[in-house]
Each structure stands twice: as C-alpha cells, then as structure tokens.
C-alpha cells in the first residue's frame, strides 16, 4: 500500500474521532495529529480530499470483494490487482473517492462459496410404492333405490 494512502487512512480515522464527543483537550490533541498528517500529504491530494470532505462525503473508501464501499459499485478485477501491486494512489471511477485494498478476494473464491448444492439423486427423489390397497381403484357402490 502506498504511504500516502496509509496517511489518508490515518487522517480519516482522526477526523472520525473529531466527530465524536471529546473534551476540549482531546479535541486539540486529535486536531494537532490531523494537522501533522495533513502536512505530509501532497497538495493536489489535499485539495481533492478537502473537496470531497467539504461536499459531505467520506474522502476514502475501502474496496471489499471488488466493491467500493463509498458508492457500492463494482471495481474491475484488473484495477484491483493494479491497486494491490502498485504504489500509486487510486480514485474510484464512479464516486471520485480515494480507494484502497487491504485484501484481495479472487473471483474464483467467490464462485466456490456461492455454489449451489447438487440436486438430489434419483433414488432420493423416487417415492416408495404404496401398498396394493392404496393403488386399487375404489369400488362402485350400487345405490339401492326402490321404485314404488
């Protein structure tokens, strides 16, 4: 994972802490930590990050099982492999958030988990035959109507 991406993850975590109720001293400490991290991030990335945050979006999203957790749309598997192997910072094509991958799940692994069970065998689906009495035809009952 890219060092800038690691810094963005840490910065998002600190900003989430600032949204919670903190004492003024704790808030000052967390703000100071956030400022220190922000100084280590390049200016163009800071600008994009700030625009997303000011728009009310979470600027960073994890990709889990091929899905961006910011917009919940699928990221192509080839892009996910490039994210994992490269040291570049990546942006979701759909929502514009910075995205990162912690663990790659291959599509083959997902298909194995989602396999449907095999249909039952012929022996399991054939019902045992019923007794002769059950198979016999009902007898016709003659009605006895007397004619007067």
C-alpha atoms as a PDB file:
ATOM      1  CA  UNK A   1       0.000   0.000   0.000  1.00  0.00           C
ATOM      2  CA  UNK A   2       1.140   3.491  -0.819  1.00  0.00           C
ATOM      3  CA  UNK A   3       2.476   5.672   2.014  1.00  0.00           C
ATOM      4  CA  UNK A   4       0.081   8.496   1.070  1.00  0.00           C
ATOM      5  CA  UNK A   5      -2.839   6.056   1.204  1.00  0.00           C
ATOM      6  CA  UNK A   6      -1.742   4.991   4.690  1.00  0.00           C
ATOM      7  CA  UNK A   7      -1.654   8.643   5.729  1.00  0.00           C
ATOM      8  CA  UNK A   8      -5.141   9.200   4.281  1.00  0.00           C
ATOM      9  CA  UNK A   9      -6.488   6.213   6.221  1.00  0.00           C
ATOM     10  CA  UNK A  10      -4.988   7.582   9.414  1.00  0.00           C
ATOM     11  CA  UNK A  11      -6.321  11.079   8.684  1.00  0.00           C
ATOM     12  CA  UNK A  12      -9.852   9.745   8.078  1.00  0.00           C
ATOM     13  CA  UNK A  13      -9.691   7.876  11.375  1.00  0.00           C
ATOM     14  CA  UNK A  14      -8.696  11.042  13.211  1.00  0.00           C
ATOM     15  CA  UNK A  15     -11.455  13.040  11.520  1.00  0.00           C
ATOM     16  CA  UNK A  16     -13.952  10.388  12.581  1.00  0.00           C
ATOM     17  CA  UNK A  17     -12.725  10.801  16.161  1.00  0.00           C
ATOM     18  CA  UNK A  18     -13.287  14.554  15.910  1.00  0.00           C
ATOM     19  CA  UNK A  19     -16.956  13.923  15.082  1.00  0.00           C
ATOM     20  CA  UNK A  20     -17.426  12.160  18.408  1.00  0.00           C
ATOM     21  CA  UNK A  21     -17.827  13.907  21.724  1.00  0.00           C
ATOM     22  CA  UNK A  22     -14.397  14.780  23.036  1.00  0.00           C
ATOM     23  CA  UNK A  23     -13.134  17.067  25.733  1.00  0.00           C
ATOM     24  CA  UNK A  24     -11.504  20.264  24.512  1.00  0.00           C
ATOM     25  CA  UNK A  25      -8.058  18.904  25.391  1.00  0.00           C
ATOM     26  CA  UNK A  26      -8.667  15.637  23.492  1.00  0.00           C
ATOM     27  CA  UNK A  27     -10.082  17.566  20.544  1.00  0.00           C
ATOM     28  CA  UNK A  28      -6.971  19.773  20.444  1.00  0.00           C
ATOM     29  CA  UNK A  29      -4.669  16.720  20.522  1.00  0.00           C
ATOM     30  CA  UNK A  30      -6.542  14.948  17.726  1.00  0.00           C
ATOM     31  CA  UNK A  31      -6.630  18.149  15.645  1.00  0.00           C
ATOM     32  CA  UNK A  32      -2.878  18.586  16.086  1.00  0.00           C
ATOM     33  CA  UNK A  33      -2.280  14.996  14.975  1.00  0.00           C
ATOM     34  CA  UNK A  34      -4.508  15.535  11.940  1.00  0.00           C
ATOM     35  CA  UNK A  35      -2.608  18.704  11.004  1.00  0.00           C
ATOM     36  CA  UNK A  36       0.727  16.878  11.233  1.00  0.00           C
ATOM     37  CA  UNK A  37      -0.515  14.133   8.936  1.00  0.00           C
ATOM     38  CA  UNK A  38      -2.012  16.661   6.524  1.00  0.00           C
ATOM     39  CA  UNK A  39       1.400  18.347   6.169  1.00  0.00           C
ATOM     40  CA  UNK A  40       2.867  15.044   4.899  1.00  0.00           C
ATOM     41  CA  UNK A  41       0.250  14.680   2.130  1.00  0.00           C
ATOM     42  CA  UNK A  42       0.965  16.345  -1.261  1.00  0.00           C
ATOM     43  CA  UNK A  43      -1.047  19.500  -2.023  1.00  0.00           C
ATOM     44  CA  UNK A  44      -3.058  18.157  -5.016  1.00  0.00           C
ATOM     45  CA  UNK A  45      -4.210  15.201  -2.925  1.00  0.00           C
ATOM     46  CA  UNK A  46      -5.024  17.521  -0.019  1.00  0.00           C
ATOM     47  CA  UNK A  47      -7.158  19.629  -2.360  1.00  0.00           C
ATOM     48  CA  UNK A  48      -9.160  16.683  -3.693  1.00  0.00           C
ATOM     49  CA  UNK A  49      -9.512  15.256  -0.186  1.00  0.00           C
ATOM     50  CA  UNK A  50     -10.776  18.599   1.112  1.00  0.00           C
ATOM     51  CA  UNK A  51     -13.306  18.991  -1.725  1.00  0.00           C
ATOM     52  CA  UNK A  52     -14.761  15.557  -1.003  1.00  0.00           C
ATOM     53  CA  UNK A  53     -14.914  16.220   2.727  1.00  0.00           C
ATOM     54  CA  UNK A  54     -16.497  19.663   2.208  1.00  0.00           C
ATOM     55  CA  UNK A  55     -19.119  18.061  -0.057  1.00  0.00           C
ATOM     56  CA  UNK A  56     -20.118  15.851   2.869  1.00  0.00           C
ATOM     57  CA  UNK A  57     -18.571  12.678   1.500  1.00  0.00           C
ATOM     58  CA  UNK A  58     -16.111  10.423   3.243  1.00  0.00           C
ATOM     59  CA  UNK A  59     -12.997  11.019   1.107  1.00  0.00           C
ATOM     60  CA  UNK A  60     -11.624   7.488   1.441  1.00  0.00           C
ATOM     61  CA  UNK A  61     -13.236   4.105   0.783  1.00  0.00           C
ATOM     62  CA  UNK A  62     -12.041   0.536   1.071  1.00  0.00           C
ATOM     63  CA  UNK A  63     -12.595  -1.947  -1.738  1.00  0.00           C
ATOM     64  CA  UNK A  64     -14.023  -5.182  -0.330  1.00  0.00           C
ATOM     65  CA  UNK A  65     -14.841  -8.156  -2.567  1.00  0.00           C
ATOM     66  CA  UNK A  66     -14.427  -5.924  -5.607  1.00  0.00           C
ATOM     67  CA  UNK A  67     -16.909  -3.307  -4.391  1.00  0.00           C
ATOM     68  CA  UNK A  68     -16.122   0.301  -3.465  1.00  0.00           C
ATOM     69  CA  UNK A  69     -17.568   0.893  -0.002  1.00  0.00           C
ATOM     70  CA  UNK A  70     -18.144   4.548  -0.867  1.00  0.00           C
ATOM     71  CA  UNK A  71     -20.550   4.094  -3.777  1.00  0.00           C
ATOM     72  CA  UNK A  72     -21.157   0.322  -3.589  1.00  0.00           C
ATOM     73  CA  UNK A  73     -20.345  -0.167  -7.272  1.00  0.00           C
ATOM     74  CA  UNK A  74     -18.070  -2.872  -8.658  1.00  0.00           C
ATOM     75  CA  UNK A  75     -14.434  -2.111  -9.386  1.00  0.00           C
ATOM     76  CA  UNK A  76     -12.955  -4.166 -12.264  1.00  0.00           C
ATOM     77  CA  UNK A  77     -10.770  -7.013 -11.019  1.00  0.00           C
ATOM     78  CA  UNK A  78      -7.814  -5.850 -13.131  1.00  0.00           C
ATOM     79  CA  UNK A  79      -7.923  -2.445 -11.428  1.00  0.00           C
ATOM     80  CA  UNK A  80      -7.949  -4.124  -8.024  1.00  0.00           C
ATOM     81  CA  UNK A  81      -4.834  -6.138  -8.895  1.00  0.00           C
ATOM     82  CA  UNK A  82      -3.086  -2.962 -10.085  1.00  0.00           C
ATOM     83  CA  UNK A  83      -4.039  -1.217  -6.835  1.00  0.00           C
ATOM     84  CA  UNK A  84      -2.566  -4.003  -4.775  1.00  0.00           C
ATOM     85  CA  UNK A  85       0.660  -4.230  -6.771  1.00  0.00           C
ATOM     86  CA  UNK A  86       1.402  -0.551  -7.392  1.00  0.00           C
ATOM     87  CA  UNK A  87       2.487   2.266  -5.128  1.00  0.00           C
ATOM     88  CA  UNK A  88       0.153   4.757  -6.773  1.00  0.00           C
ATOM     89  CA  UNK A  89      -2.856   6.355  -5.180  1.00  0.00           C
ATOM     90  CA  UNK A  90      -6.160   5.340  -6.765  1.00  0.00           C
ATOM     91  CA  UNK A  91      -9.504   7.080  -7.231  1.00  0.00           C
ATOM     92  CA  UNK A  92     -12.834   5.320  -7.779  1.00  0.00           C
ATOM     93  CA  UNK A  93     -14.083   5.990 -11.314  1.00  0.00           C
ATOM     94  CA  UNK A  94     -17.667   6.118 -10.049  1.00  0.00           C
ATOM     95  CA  UNK A  95     -17.654   8.291  -6.901  1.00  0.00           C
ATOM     96  CA  UNK A  96     -14.250  10.006  -7.020  1.00  0.00           C
ATOM     97  CA  UNK A  97     -13.159   8.817  -3.558  1.00  0.00           C
ATOM     98  CA  UNK A  98      -9.650   7.623  -2.853  1.00  0.00           C
ATOM     99  CA  UNK A  99      -9.810   3.842  -2.712  1.00  0.00           C
ATOM    100  CA  UNK A 100      -7.564   1.183  -1.257  1.00  0.00           C
ATOM    101  CA  UNK A 101      -7.492  -2.612  -0.967  1.00  0.00           C
ATOM    102  CA  UNK A 102      -6.451  -4.437   2.175  1.00  0.00           C
ATOM    103  CA  UNK A 103      -7.123  -7.983   0.991  1.00  0.00           C
ATOM    104  CA  UNK A 104      -7.842  -9.361  -2.445  1.00  0.00           C
ATOM    105  CA  UNK A 105     -10.528 -11.987  -2.862  1.00  0.00           C
ATOM    106  CA  UNK A 106     -10.284 -13.690  -6.223  1.00  0.00           C
ATOM    107  CA  UNK A 107     -13.476 -14.150  -8.251  1.00  0.00           C
ATOM    108  CA  UNK A 108     -12.865 -17.919  -8.284  1.00  0.00           C
ATOM    109  CA  UNK A 109     -13.021 -17.945  -4.470  1.00  0.00           C
ATOM    110  CA  UNK A 110     -16.359 -16.132  -4.515  1.00  0.00           C
ATOM    111  CA  UNK A 111     -17.781 -18.591  -7.048  1.00  0.00           C
ATOM    112  CA  UNK A 112     -16.806 -21.544  -4.859  1.00  0.00           C
ATOM    113  CA  UNK A 113     -18.564 -20.039  -1.851  1.00  0.00           C
ATOM    114  CA  UNK A 114     -21.731 -19.360  -3.828  1.00  0.00           C
ATOM    115  CA  UNK A 115     -22.005 -22.829  -5.413  1.00  0.00           C
ATOM    116  CA  UNK A 116     -25.462 -24.288  -5.232  1.00  0.00           C
ATOM    117  CA  UNK A 117     -25.796 -27.722  -3.730  1.00  0.00           C
ATOM    118  CA  UNK A 118     -26.138 -30.650  -6.122  1.00  0.00           C
ATOM    119  CA  UNK A 119     -29.665 -31.776  -6.842  1.00  0.00           C
ATOM    120  CA  UNK A 120     -30.723 -34.924  -5.026  1.00  0.00           C
ATOM    121  CA  UNK A 121     -30.056 -38.231  -6.719  1.00  0.00           C
ATOM    122  CA  UNK A 122     -32.771 -40.215  -8.441  1.00  0.00           C
ATOM    123  CA  UNK A 123     -33.011 -42.661  -5.526  1.00  0.00           C
ATOM    124  CA  UNK A 124     -33.683 -39.794  -3.142  1.00  0.00           C
ATOM    125  CA  UNK A 125     -36.471 -38.337  -5.273  1.00  0.00           C
ATOM    126  CA  UNK A 126     -38.361 -41.582  -6.101  1.00  0.00           C
ATOM    127  CA  UNK A 127     -41.142 -42.259  -3.648  1.00  0.00           C
ATOM    128  CA  UNK A 128     -41.596 -45.754  -2.342  1.00  0.00           C
ATOM    129  CA  UNK A 129     -44.550 -47.560  -3.898  1.00  0.00           C
ATOM    130  CA  UNK A 130     -47.763 -47.672  -1.932  1.00  0.00           C
ATOM    131  CA  UNK A 131     -49.444 -50.870  -0.822  1.00  0.00           C
ATOM    132  CA  UNK A 132     -51.838 -52.664  -3.155  1.00  0.00           C
ATOM    133  CA  UNK A 133     -54.850 -51.412  -1.262  1.00  0.00           C
ATOM    134  CA  UNK A 134     -53.809 -47.842  -1.796  1.00  0.00           C
ATOM    135  CA  UNK A 135     -53.299 -48.444  -5.526  1.00  0.00           C
ATOM    136  CA  UNK A 136     -56.556 -50.287  -6.102  1.00  0.00           C
ATOM    137  CA  UNK A 137     -59.446 -48.489  -7.703  1.00  0.00           C
ATOM    138  CA  UNK A 138     -62.345 -47.577  -5.496  1.00  0.00           C
ATOM    139  CA  UNK A 139     -65.295 -49.902  -5.890  1.00  0.00           C
ATOM    140  CA  UNK A 140     -68.522 -48.596  -7.298  1.00  0.00           C
ATOM    141  CA  UNK A 141     -71.301 -48.665  -4.823  1.00  0.00           C
ATOM    142  CA  UNK A 142     -74.679 -49.514  -6.184  1.00  0.00           C
ATOM    143  CA  UNK A 143     -77.326 -47.313  -4.905  1.00  0.00           C
ATOM    144  CA  UNK A 144     -80.398 -49.087  -3.873  1.00  0.00           C
ATOM    145  CA  UNK A 145     -83.301 -47.030  -4.869  1.00  0.00           C
ATOM    146  CA  UNK A 146     -86.572 -48.727  -4.659  1.00  0.00           C
ATOM    147  CA  UNK A 147     -89.195 -47.995  -7.150  1.00  0.00           C
ATOM    148  CA  UNK A 148     -92.666 -47.717  -5.914  1.00  0.00           C
END
